């Protein structure tokens, strides 16, 4: 497994993102978690981020947006979000 930032560029790279976001209370302390894997199930990146006081919906959407931005940085040509 590889954790942290990696810079892999592949013209035909399909990746899968696994995301979650949540808040304790609504609004309340919120955070996101993201795992990004390649077609071979190799973890390309995994991270979390504290968002401060936010709603649950804000946290969920922030996780998805963050994963898509990271997928672009990695050079993904196709992204599946699960």
Protein backbone atom coordinates (compact mmCIF):
# COMPACT_ATOMS: atom_id res chain seq x y z
CA UNK A 1 0.00 0.00 0.00
CA UNK A 2 1.04 3.55 -0.67
CA UNK A 3 -0.23 6.29 1.59
CA UNK A 4 0.25 9.99 1.16
CA UNK A 5 0.67 11.94 -2.03
CA UNK A 6 1.96 10.15 -5.08
CA UNK A 7 2.22 11.49 -8.60
CA UNK A 8 1.33 8.76 -11.04
CA UNK A 9 0.52 9.80 -14.59
CA UNK A 10 -1.07 7.25 -16.90
CA UNK A 11 -3.07 8.18 -19.98
CA UNK A 12 -5.55 5.33 -19.49
CA UNK A 13 -5.75 5.06 -15.73
CA UNK A 14 -9.10 4.10 -14.23
CA UNK A 15 -9.35 4.73 -10.52
CA UNK A 16 -11.99 4.15 -7.87
CA UNK A 17 -12.63 6.59 -5.05
CA UNK A 18 -14.13 5.68 -1.70
CA UNK A 19 -15.32 8.68 0.27
CA UNK A 20 -17.15 9.54 3.44
CA UNK A 21 -17.94 12.71 5.28
CA UNK A 22 -19.77 13.32 8.48
CA UNK A 23 -20.57 15.77 11.22
CA UNK A 24 -21.21 15.16 14.89
CA UNK A 25 -24.35 17.20 15.26
CA UNK A 26 -25.77 19.00 12.30
CA UNK A 27 -23.97 21.33 12.10
CA UNK A 28 -21.04 20.24 14.23
CA UNK A 29 -17.41 19.16 14.05
CA UNK A 30 -17.02 17.62 10.59
CA UNK A 31 -14.40 15.67 8.66
CA UNK A 32 -13.86 13.70 5.47
CA UNK A 33 -12.08 10.47 4.58
CA UNK A 34 -10.89 9.49 1.10
CA UNK A 35 -9.26 6.34 -0.31
CA UNK A 36 -8.23 6.16 -3.97
CA UNK A 37 -7.37 2.85 -5.65
CA UNK A 38 -6.24 1.85 -9.11
CA UNK A 39 -7.60 -0.96 -11.31
CA UNK A 40 -5.37 -3.47 -9.50
CA UNK A 41 -6.79 -2.44 -6.11
CA UNK A 42 -3.52 -0.71 -5.20
CA UNK A 43 -4.08 2.19 -2.83
CA UNK A 44 -2.77 5.32 -4.53
CA UNK A 45 -3.78 7.73 -1.79
CA UNK A 46 -5.65 7.75 1.51
CA UNK A 47 -6.28 10.80 3.66
CA UNK A 48 -8.66 12.60 5.95
CA UNK A 49 -9.30 16.24 6.65
CA UNK A 50 -10.98 18.13 9.47
CA UNK A 51 -13.49 20.67 8.15
CA UNK A 52 -14.42 22.54 11.30
CA UNK A 53 -18.09 23.18 12.13
CA UNK A 54 -20.14 22.12 9.09
CA UNK A 55 -23.26 20.18 8.17
CA UNK A 56 -23.28 16.51 7.29
CA UNK A 57 -24.21 17.29 3.67
CA UNK A 58 -21.31 19.73 3.37
CA UNK A 59 -18.93 17.03 4.65
CA UNK A 60 -20.26 14.38 2.25
CA UNK A 61 -19.98 16.64 -0.79
CA UNK A 62 -16.57 17.93 0.32
CA UNK A 63 -15.26 14.37 0.43
CA UNK A 64 -16.46 13.68 -3.11
CA UNK A 65 -15.07 16.95 -4.48
CA UNK A 66 -11.73 16.37 -2.76
CA UNK A 67 -11.47 12.85 -4.22
CA UNK A 68 -12.26 14.08 -7.73
CA UNK A 69 -9.64 16.83 -7.49
CA UNK A 70 -7.04 14.30 -6.33
CA UNK A 71 -8.03 11.90 -9.14
CA UNK A 72 -7.37 14.68 -11.63
CA UNK A 73 -3.97 15.37 -10.04
CA UNK A 74 -3.10 11.68 -10.38
CA UNK A 75 -3.97 11.79 -14.07
CA UNK A 76 -7.02 9.56 -14.02
CA UNK A 77 -8.81 9.10 -17.34
CA UNK A 78 -11.82 7.46 -15.71
CA UNK A 79 -13.14 7.72 -12.14
CA UNK A 80 -15.66 5.51 -10.38
CA UNK A 81 -17.04 6.97 -7.16
CA UNK A 82 -18.40 4.47 -4.66
